[in-house]
């Protein structure tokens, strides 16, 4: 007759400690790598955002300067006179 009951195998305590130690080391390395990558991605996103904001600020400043130059011209300076 075949015994269908599974036999429980005993894992030596030393092997269990090694396995748990490797598991904890792997999880720790994974967590540290995730934090490092997250910090780098956030820093890159911040640099991109700052660059875009500076470009917008420069464009606005240029337009304001152009408007100030245009507003400072005499009133009749931009008139087109035909037939003089």
PDB file of N, CA and C in Angstrom:
ATOM      1  N   UNK A   1       0.840  -1.178   0.000  1.00  0.00           N
ATOM      2  CA  UNK A   1       0.000   0.000   0.000  1.00  0.00           C
ATOM      3  C   UNK A   1       0.889   1.246   0.000  1.00  0.00           C
ATOM      4  N   UNK A   2       0.427   2.312  -0.729  1.00  0.00           N
ATOM      5  CA  UNK A   2       1.195   3.544  -0.862  1.00  0.00           C
ATOM      6  C   UNK A   2       0.777   4.511   0.236  1.00  0.00           C
ATOM      7  N   UNK A   3       1.762   5.081   0.882  1.00  0.00           N
ATOM      8  CA  UNK A   3       1.503   6.064   1.927  1.00  0.00           C
ATOM      9  C   UNK A   3       1.320   7.427   1.264  1.00  0.00           C
ATOM     10  N   UNK A   4       0.128   7.997   1.323  1.00  0.00           N
ATOM     11  CA  UNK A   4      -0.174   9.276   0.682  1.00  0.00           C
ATOM     12  C   UNK A   4       0.115  10.470   1.570  1.00  0.00           C
ATOM     13  N   UNK A   5       0.422  10.244   2.795  1.00  0.00           N
ATOM     14  CA  UNK A   5       0.728  11.347   3.698  1.00  0.00           C
ATOM     15  C   UNK A   5       2.131  11.858   3.408  1.00  0.00           C
ATOM     16  N   UNK A   6       2.241  13.162   3.243  1.00  0.00           N
ATOM     17  CA  UNK A   6       3.550  13.746   2.982  1.00  0.00           C
ATOM     18  C   UNK A   6       4.344  13.767   4.273  1.00  0.00           C
ATOM     19  N   UNK A   7       5.584  13.436   4.129  1.00  0.00           N
ATOM     20  CA  UNK A   7       6.450  13.473   5.294  1.00  0.00           C
ATOM     21  C   UNK A   7       6.988  14.885   5.474  1.00  0.00           C
ATOM     22  N   UNK A   8       6.926  15.373   6.644  1.00  0.00           N
ATOM     23  CA  UNK A   8       7.462  16.699   6.940  1.00  0.00           C
ATOM     24  C   UNK A   8       8.969  16.593   7.016  1.00  0.00           C
ATOM     25  N   UNK A   9       9.622  17.416   6.199  1.00  0.00           N
ATOM     26  CA  UNK A   9      11.079  17.421   6.230  1.00  0.00           C
ATOM     27  C   UNK A   9      11.536  18.506   7.177  1.00  0.00           C
ATOM     28  N   UNK A  10      12.488  18.191   7.949  1.00  0.00           N
ATOM     29  CA  UNK A  10      13.002  19.122   8.927  1.00  0.00           C
ATOM     30  C   UNK A  10      14.134  19.936   8.296  1.00  0.00           C
ATOM     31  N   UNK A  11      13.995  21.263   8.315  1.00  0.00           N
ATOM     32  CA  UNK A  11      15.034  22.150   7.801  1.00  0.00           C
ATOM     33  C   UNK A  11      15.933  22.513   8.972  1.00  0.00           C
ATOM     34  N   UNK A  12      17.220  22.261   8.807  1.00  0.00           N
ATOM     35  CA  UNK A  12      18.119  22.629   9.908  1.00  0.00           C
ATOM     36  C   UNK A  12      18.045  24.128  10.185  1.00  0.00           C
ATOM     37  N   UNK A  13      18.175  24.470  11.425  1.00  0.00           N
ATOM     38  CA  UNK A  13      18.069  25.860  11.857  1.00  0.00           C
ATOM     39  C   UNK A  13      19.118  26.739  11.186  1.00  0.00           C
ATOM     40  N   UNK A  14      20.290  26.198  10.954  1.00  0.00           N
ATOM     41  CA  UNK A  14      21.369  26.962  10.303  1.00  0.00           C
ATOM     42  C   UNK A  14      20.964  27.366   8.889  1.00  0.00           C
ATOM     43  N   UNK A  15      20.381  26.452   8.127  1.00  0.00           N
ATOM     44  CA  UNK A  15      19.953  26.768   6.758  1.00  0.00           C
ATOM     45  C   UNK A  15      18.819  27.799   6.751  1.00  0.00           C
ATOM     46  N   UNK A  16      17.942  27.709   7.718  1.00  0.00           N
ATOM     47  CA  UNK A  16      16.845  28.667   7.820  1.00  0.00           C
ATOM     48  C   UNK A  16      17.378  30.071   8.102  1.00  0.00           C
ATOM     49  N   UNK A  17      18.363  30.168   8.978  1.00  0.00           N
ATOM     50  CA  UNK A  17      18.958  31.474   9.287  1.00  0.00           C
ATOM     51  C   UNK A  17      19.673  32.057   8.070  1.00  0.00           C
ATOM     52  N   UNK A  18      20.369  31.221   7.326  1.00  0.00           N
ATOM     53  CA  UNK A  18      21.053  31.692   6.121  1.00  0.00           C
ATOM     54  C   UNK A  18      20.030  32.190   5.097  1.00  0.00           C
ATOM     55  N   UNK A  19      18.960  31.436   4.913  1.00  0.00           N
ATOM     56  CA  UNK A  19      17.929  31.824   3.952  1.00  0.00           C
ATOM     57  C   UNK A  19      17.267  33.141   4.354  1.00  0.00           C
ATOM     58  N   UNK A  20      16.942  33.272   5.629  1.00  0.00           N
ATOM     59  CA  UNK A  20      16.319  34.511   6.097  1.00  0.00           C
ATOM     60  C   UNK A  20      17.289  35.685   6.002  1.00  0.00           C
ATOM     61  N   UNK A  21      18.549  35.445   6.282  1.00  0.00           N
ATOM     62  CA  UNK A  21      19.558  36.509   6.160  1.00  0.00           C
ATOM     63  C   UNK A  21      19.695  36.983   4.726  1.00  0.00           C
ATOM     64  N   UNK A  22      19.730  36.028   3.784  1.00  0.00           N
ATOM     65  CA  UNK A  22      19.809  36.406   2.365  1.00  0.00           C
ATOM     66  C   UNK A  22      18.552  37.141   1.916  1.00  0.00           C
ATOM     67  N   UNK A  23      17.407  36.696   2.397  1.00  0.00           N
ATOM     68  CA  UNK A  23      16.154  37.373   2.061  1.00  0.00           C
ATOM     69  C   UNK A  23      16.159  38.810   2.570  1.00  0.00           C
ATOM     70  N   UNK A  24      16.564  39.005   3.803  1.00  0.00           N
ATOM     71  CA  UNK A  24      16.594  40.356   4.379  1.00  0.00           C
ATOM     72  C   UNK A  24      17.609  41.238   3.657  1.00  0.00           C
ATOM     73  N   UNK A  25      18.769  40.668   3.308  1.00  0.00           N
ATOM     74  CA  UNK A  25      19.773  41.444   2.587  1.00  0.00           C
ATOM     75  C   UNK A  25      19.240  41.856   1.217  1.00  0.00           C
ATOM     76  N   UNK A  26      18.585  40.946   0.530  1.00  0.00           N
ATOM     77  CA  UNK A  26      18.011  41.257  -0.775  1.00  0.00           C
ATOM     78  C   UNK A  26      16.930  42.326  -0.692  1.00  0.00           C
ATOM     79  N   UNK A  27      16.073  42.221   0.298  1.00  0.00           N
ATOM     80  CA  UNK A  27      15.020  43.229   0.474  1.00  0.00           C
ATOM     81  C   UNK A  27      15.609  44.589   0.821  1.00  0.00           C
ATOM     82  N   UNK A  28      16.651  44.600   1.628  1.00  0.00           N
ATOM     83  CA  UNK A  28      17.304  45.859   1.993  1.00  0.00           C
ATOM     84  C   UNK A  28      17.940  46.517   0.779  1.00  0.00           C
ATOM     85  N   UNK A  29      18.654  45.728  -0.016  1.00  0.00           N
ATOM     86  CA  UNK A  29      19.278  46.270  -1.228  1.00  0.00           C
ATOM     87  C   UNK A  29      18.219  46.785  -2.191  1.00  0.00           C
ATOM     88  N   UNK A  30      17.126  46.056  -2.333  1.00  0.00           N
ATOM     89  CA  UNK A  30      16.039  46.482  -3.216  1.00  0.00           C
ATOM     90  C   UNK A  30      15.419  47.795  -2.746  1.00  0.00           C
ATOM     91  N   UNK A  31      15.179  47.915  -1.443  1.00  0.00           N
ATOM     92  CA  UNK A  31      14.597  49.144  -0.898  1.00  0.00           C
ATOM     93  C   UNK A  31      15.536  50.329  -1.095  1.00  0.00           C
ATOM     94  N   UNK A  32      16.828  50.128  -0.854  1.00  0.00           N
ATOM     95  CA  UNK A  32      17.790  51.217  -1.039  1.00  0.00           C
ATOM     96  C   UNK A  32      17.887  51.629  -2.507  1.00  0.00           C
ATOM     97  N   UNK A  33      17.868  50.657  -3.407  1.00  0.00           N
ATOM     98  CA  UNK A  33      17.920  50.970  -4.834  1.00  0.00           C
ATOM     99  C   UNK A  33      16.676  51.746  -5.259  1.00  0.00           C
ATOM    100  N   UNK A  34      15.518  51.353  -4.741  1.00  0.00           N
ATOM    101  CA  UNK A  34      14.274  52.054  -5.077  1.00  0.00           C
ATOM    102  C   UNK A  34      14.321  53.500  -4.582  1.00  0.00           C
ATOM    103  N   UNK A  35      14.816  53.722  -3.382  1.00  0.00           N
ATOM    104  CA  UNK A  35      14.919  55.082  -2.850  1.00  0.00           C
ATOM    105  C   UNK A  35      15.901  55.925  -3.662  1.00  0.00           C
ATOM    106  N   UNK A  36      17.012  55.321  -4.054  1.00  0.00           N
ATOM    107  CA  UNK A  36      18.015  56.034  -4.854  1.00  0.00           C
ATOM    108  C   UNK A  36      17.437  56.434  -6.213  1.00  0.00           C
ATOM    109  N   UNK A  37      16.758  55.516  -6.861  1.00  0.00           N
ATOM    110  CA  UNK A  37      16.166  55.802  -8.172  1.00  0.00           C
ATOM    111  C   UNK A  37      15.074  56.858  -8.038  1.00  0.00           C
ATOM    112  N   UNK A  38      14.268  56.758  -6.996  1.00  0.00           N
ATOM    113  CA  UNK A  38      13.199  57.738  -6.771  1.00  0.00           C
ATOM    114  C   UNK A  38      13.786  59.137  -6.595  1.00  0.00           C
ATOM    115  N   UNK A  39      14.858  59.239  -5.828  1.00  0.00           N
ATOM    116  CA  UNK A  39      15.496  60.542  -5.603  1.00  0.00           C
ATOM    117  C   UNK A  39      16.057  61.099  -6.912  1.00  0.00           C
ATOM    118  N   UNK A  40      16.662  60.246  -7.728  1.00  0.00           N
ATOM    119  CA  UNK A  40      17.209  60.709  -9.005  1.00  0.00           C
ATOM    120  C   UNK A  40      16.119  61.148  -9.970  1.00  0.00           C
ATOM    121  N   UNK A  41      15.024  60.420 -10.008  1.00  0.00           N
ATOM    122  CA  UNK A  41      13.911  60.782 -10.893  1.00  0.00           C
ATOM    123  C   UNK A  41      13.305  62.107 -10.452  1.00  0.00           C
ATOM    124  N   UNK A  42      13.126  62.279  -9.159  1.00  0.00           N
ATOM    125  CA  UNK A  42      12.564  63.539  -8.657  1.00  0.00           C
ATOM    126  C   UNK A  42      13.502  64.710  -8.924  1.00  0.00           C
ATOM    127  N   UNK A  43      14.809  64.490  -8.782  1.00  0.00           N
ATOM    128  CA  UNK A  43      15.768  65.563  -9.054  1.00  0.00           C
ATOM    129  C   UNK A  43      15.753  65.939 -10.531  1.00  0.00           C
ATOM    130  N   UNK A  44      15.663  64.951 -11.402  1.00  0.00           N
ATOM    131  CA  UNK A  44      15.615  65.230 -12.841  1.00  0.00           C
ATOM    132  C   UNK A  44      14.332  65.974 -13.201  1.00  0.00           C
ATOM    133  N   UNK A  45      13.226  65.585 -12.609  1.00  0.00           N
ATOM    134  CA  UNK A  45      11.963  66.268 -12.858  1.00  0.00           C
ATOM    135  C   UNK A  45      12.021  67.713 -12.360  1.00  0.00           C
ATOM    136  N   UNK A  46      12.644  67.937 -11.221  1.00  0.00           N
ATOM    137  CA  UNK A  46      12.772  69.292 -10.686  1.00  0.00           C
ATOM    138  C   UNK A  46      13.639  70.161 -11.594  1.00  0.00           C
ATOM    139  N   UNK A  47      14.748  69.587 -12.104  1.00  0.00           N
ATOM    140  CA  UNK A  47      15.605  70.337 -13.036  1.00  0.00           C
ATOM    141  C   UNK A  47      14.842  70.708 -14.299  1.00  0.00           C
ATOM    142  N   UNK A  48      14.069  69.774 -14.824  1.00  0.00           N
ATOM    143  CA  UNK A  48      13.269  70.030 -16.032  1.00  0.00           C
ATOM    144  C   UNK A  48      12.236  71.124 -15.771  1.00  0.00           C
ATOM    145  N   UNK A  49      11.580  71.059 -14.615  1.00  0.00           N
ATOM    146  CA  UNK A  49      10.584  72.061 -14.256  1.00  0.00           C
ATOM    147  C   UNK A  49      11.230  73.437 -14.104  1.00  0.00           C
ATOM    148  N   UNK A  50      12.370  73.501 -13.419  1.00  0.00           N
ATOM    149  CA  UNK A  50      13.073  74.770 -13.242  1.00  0.00           C
ATOM    150  C   UNK A  50      13.505  75.359 -14.584  1.00  0.00           C
ATOM    151  N   UNK A  51      13.994  74.512 -15.483  1.00  0.00           N
ATOM    152  CA  UNK A  51      14.413  74.977 -16.803  1.00  0.00           C
ATOM    153  C   UNK A  51      13.226  75.562 -17.565  1.00  0.00           C
ATOM    154  N   UNK A  52      12.101  74.858 -17.542  1.00  0.00           N
ATOM    155  CA  UNK A  52      10.905  75.339 -18.244  1.00  0.00           C
ATOM    156  C   UNK A  52      10.418  76.656 -17.650  1.00  0.00           C
ATOM    157  N   UNK A  53      10.412  76.754 -16.327  1.00  0.00           N
ATOM    158  CA  UNK A  53       9.986  78.003 -15.675  1.00  0.00           C
ATOM    159  C   UNK A  53      10.915  79.157 -16.033  1.00  0.00           C
ATOM    160  N   UNK A  54      12.206  78.907 -16.078  1.00  0.00           N
ATOM    161  CA  UNK A  54      13.151  79.962 -16.450  1.00  0.00           C
ATOM    162  C   UNK A  54      12.948  80.404 -17.891  1.00  0.00           C
ATOM    163  N   UNK A  55      12.676  79.466 -18.792  1.00  0.00           N
ATOM    164  CA  UNK A  55      12.414  79.825 -20.190  1.00  0.00           C
ATOM    165  C   UNK A  55      11.158  80.695 -20.299  1.00  0.00           C
ATOM    166  N   UNK A  56      10.124  80.338 -19.572  1.00  0.00           N
ATOM    167  CA  UNK A  56       8.888  81.133 -19.581  1.00  0.00           C
ATOM    168  C   UNK A  56       9.153  82.517 -19.013  1.00  0.00           C
ATOM    169  N   UNK A  57       9.907  82.578 -17.928  1.00  0.00           N
ATOM    170  CA  UNK A  57      10.225  83.865 -17.308  1.00  0.00           C
ATOM    171  C   UNK A  57      11.019  84.753 -18.273  1.00  0.00           C
ATOM    172  N   UNK A  58      11.960  84.174 -18.994  1.00  0.00           N
ATOM    173  CA  UNK A  58      12.753  84.942 -19.964  1.00  0.00           C
ATOM    174  C   UNK A  58      11.863  85.451 -21.084  1.00  0.00           C
ATOM    175  N   UNK A  59      10.954  84.597 -21.580  1.00  0.00           N
ATOM    176  CA  UNK A  59      10.045  85.022 -22.648  1.00  0.00           C
ATOM    177  C   UNK A  59       9.133  86.159 -22.187  1.00  0.00           C
ATOM    178  N   UNK A  60       8.630  86.073 -20.990  1.00  0.00           N
ATOM    179  CA  UNK A  60       7.764  87.136 -20.460  1.00  0.00           C
ATOM    180  C   UNK A  60       8.556  88.426 -20.305  1.00  0.00           C
ATOM    181  N   UNK A  61       9.771  88.338 -19.783  1.00  0.00           N
ATOM    182  CA  UNK A  61      10.597  89.533 -19.606  1.00  0.00           C
ATOM    183  C   UNK A  61      10.913  90.178 -20.955  1.00  0.00           C
ATOM    184  N   UNK A  62      11.210  89.352 -21.971  1.00  0.00           N
ATOM    185  CA  UNK A  62      11.471  89.898 -23.298  1.00  0.00           C
ATOM    186  C   UNK A  62      10.249  90.608 -23.867  1.00  0.00           C
ATOM    187  N   UNK A  63       9.084  90.025 -23.695  1.00  0.00           N
ATOM    188  CA  UNK A  63       7.854  90.662 -24.201  1.00  0.00           C
ATOM    189  C   UNK A  63       7.569  91.973 -23.470  1.00  0.00           C
ATOM    190  N   UNK A  64       7.810  91.984 -22.156  1.00  0.00           N
ATOM    191  CA  UNK A  64       7.592  93.224 -21.410  1.00  0.00           C
ATOM    192  C   UNK A  64       8.574  94.310 -21.849  1.00  0.00           C
ATOM    193  N   UNK A  65       9.817  93.918 -22.106  1.00  0.00           N
ATOM    194  CA  UNK A  65      10.797  94.886 -22.595  1.00  0.00           C
ATOM    195  C   UNK A  65      10.385  95.433 -23.955  1.00  0.00           C
ATOM    196  N   UNK A  66       9.924  94.552 -24.840  1.00  0.00           N
ATOM    197  CA  UNK A  66       9.467  94.995 -26.159  1.00  0.00           C
ATOM    198  C   UNK A  66       8.265  95.934 -26.037  1.00  0.00           C
ATOM    199  N   UNK A  67       7.367  95.619 -25.134  1.00  0.00           N
ATOM    200  CA  UNK A  67       6.195  96.478 -24.935  1.00  0.00           C
ATOM    201  C   UNK A  67       6.610  97.837 -24.390  1.00  0.00           C
ATOM    202  N   UNK A  68       7.583  97.854 -23.496  1.00  0.00           N
ATOM    203  CA  UNK A  68       8.043  99.115 -22.918  1.00  0.00           C
ATOM    204  C   UNK A  68       8.721  99.973 -23.982  1.00  0.00           C
ATOM    205  N   UNK A  69       9.472  99.344 -24.864  1.00  0.00           N
ATOM    206  CA  UNK A  69      10.129 100.090 -25.947  1.00  0.00           C
ATOM    207  C   UNK A  69       9.080 100.646 -26.893  1.00  0.00           C
ATOM    208  N   UNK A  70       8.073  99.849 -27.224  1.00  0.00           N
ATOM    209  CA  UNK A  70       7.021 100.289 -28.132  1.00  0.00           C
ATOM    210  C   UNK A  70       6.210 101.423 -27.507  1.00  0.00           C
ATOM    211  N   UNK A  71       5.935 101.315 -26.197  1.00  0.00           N
ATOM    212  CA  UNK A  71       5.135 102.330 -25.521  1.00  0.00           C
ATOM    213  C   UNK A  71       5.918 103.634 -25.355  1.00  0.00           C
ATOM    214  N   UNK A  72       7.234 103.582 -25.372  1.00  0.00           N
ATOM    215  CA  UNK A  72       8.049 104.778 -25.171  1.00  0.00           C
ATOM    216  C   UNK A  72       8.223 105.591 -26.451  1.00  0.00           C
ATOM    217  N   UNK A  73       7.840 105.041 -27.605  1.00  0.00           N
ATOM    218  CA  UNK A  73       7.984 105.771 -28.874  1.00  0.00           C
ATOM    219  C   UNK A  73       6.988 106.924 -28.918  1.00  0.00           C
ATOM    220  N   UNK A  74       7.306 107.994 -29.634  1.00  0.00           N
ATOM    221  CA  UNK A  74       6.359 109.105 -29.774  1.00  0.00           C
ATOM    222  C   UNK A  74       5.078 108.639 -30.464  1.00  0.00           C
ATOM    223  N   UNK A  75       4.008 109.375 -30.227  1.00  0.00           N
ATOM    224  CA  UNK A  75       2.693 108.971 -30.711  1.00  0.00           C
ATOM    225  C   UNK A  75       2.634 108.871 -32.227  1.00  0.00           C
ATOM    226  N   UNK A  76       3.236 109.760 -32.956  1.00  0.00           N
ATOM    227  CA  UNK A  76       3.139 109.760 -34.411  1.00  0.00           C
ATOM    228  C   UNK A  76       4.215 108.952 -35.095  1.00  0.00           C
ATOM    229  N   UNK A  77       5.066 108.340 -34.369  1.00  0.00           N
ATOM    230  CA  UNK A  77       6.219 107.647 -34.937  1.00  0.00           C
ATOM    231  C   UNK A  77       5.817 106.450 -35.798  1.00  0.00           C
ATOM    232  N   UNK A  78       4.725 105.785 -35.454  1.00  0.00           N
ATOM    233  CA  UNK A  78       4.339 104.581 -36.162  1.00  0.00           C
ATOM    234  C   UNK A  78       3.359 104.848 -37.293  1.00  0.00           C
ATOM    235  N   UNK A  79       2.989 106.126 -37.524  1.00  0.00           N
ATOM    236  CA  UNK A  79       2.041 106.446 -38.585  1.00  0.00           C
ATOM    237  C   UNK A  79       2.681 106.338 -39.942  1.00  0.00           C
ATOM    238  N   UNK A  80       1.933 105.827 -40.888  1.00  0.00           N
ATOM    239  CA  UNK A  80       2.414 105.763 -42.265  1.00  0.00           C
ATOM    240  C   UNK A  80       1.799 106.953 -42.991  1.00  0.00           C
ATOM    241  N   UNK A  81       2.654 107.760 -43.602  1.00  0.00           N
ATOM    242  CA  UNK A  81       2.204 108.940 -44.320  1.00  0.00           C
ATOM    243  C   UNK A  81       2.417 108.686 -45.813  1.00  0.00           C
ATOM    244  N   UNK A  82       1.345 108.828 -46.569  1.00  0.00           N
ATOM    245  CA  UNK A  82       1.414 108.569 -48.016  1.00  0.00           C
ATOM    246  C   UNK A  82       1.269 109.905 -48.748  1.00  0.00           C
ATOM    247  N   UNK A  83       2.107 110.104 -49.718  1.00  0.00           N
ATOM    248  CA  UNK A  83       1.973 111.278 -50.571  1.00  0.00           C
ATOM    249  C   UNK A  83       2.693 112.505 -50.108  1.00  0.00           C
ATOM    250  N   UNK A  84       3.654 112.432 -49.296  1.00  0.00           N
ATOM    251  CA  UNK A  84       4.412 113.622 -48.902  1.00  0.00           C
ATOM    252  C   UNK A  84       5.566 113.858 -49.806  1.00  0.00           C
TER     253      UNK A  84
END
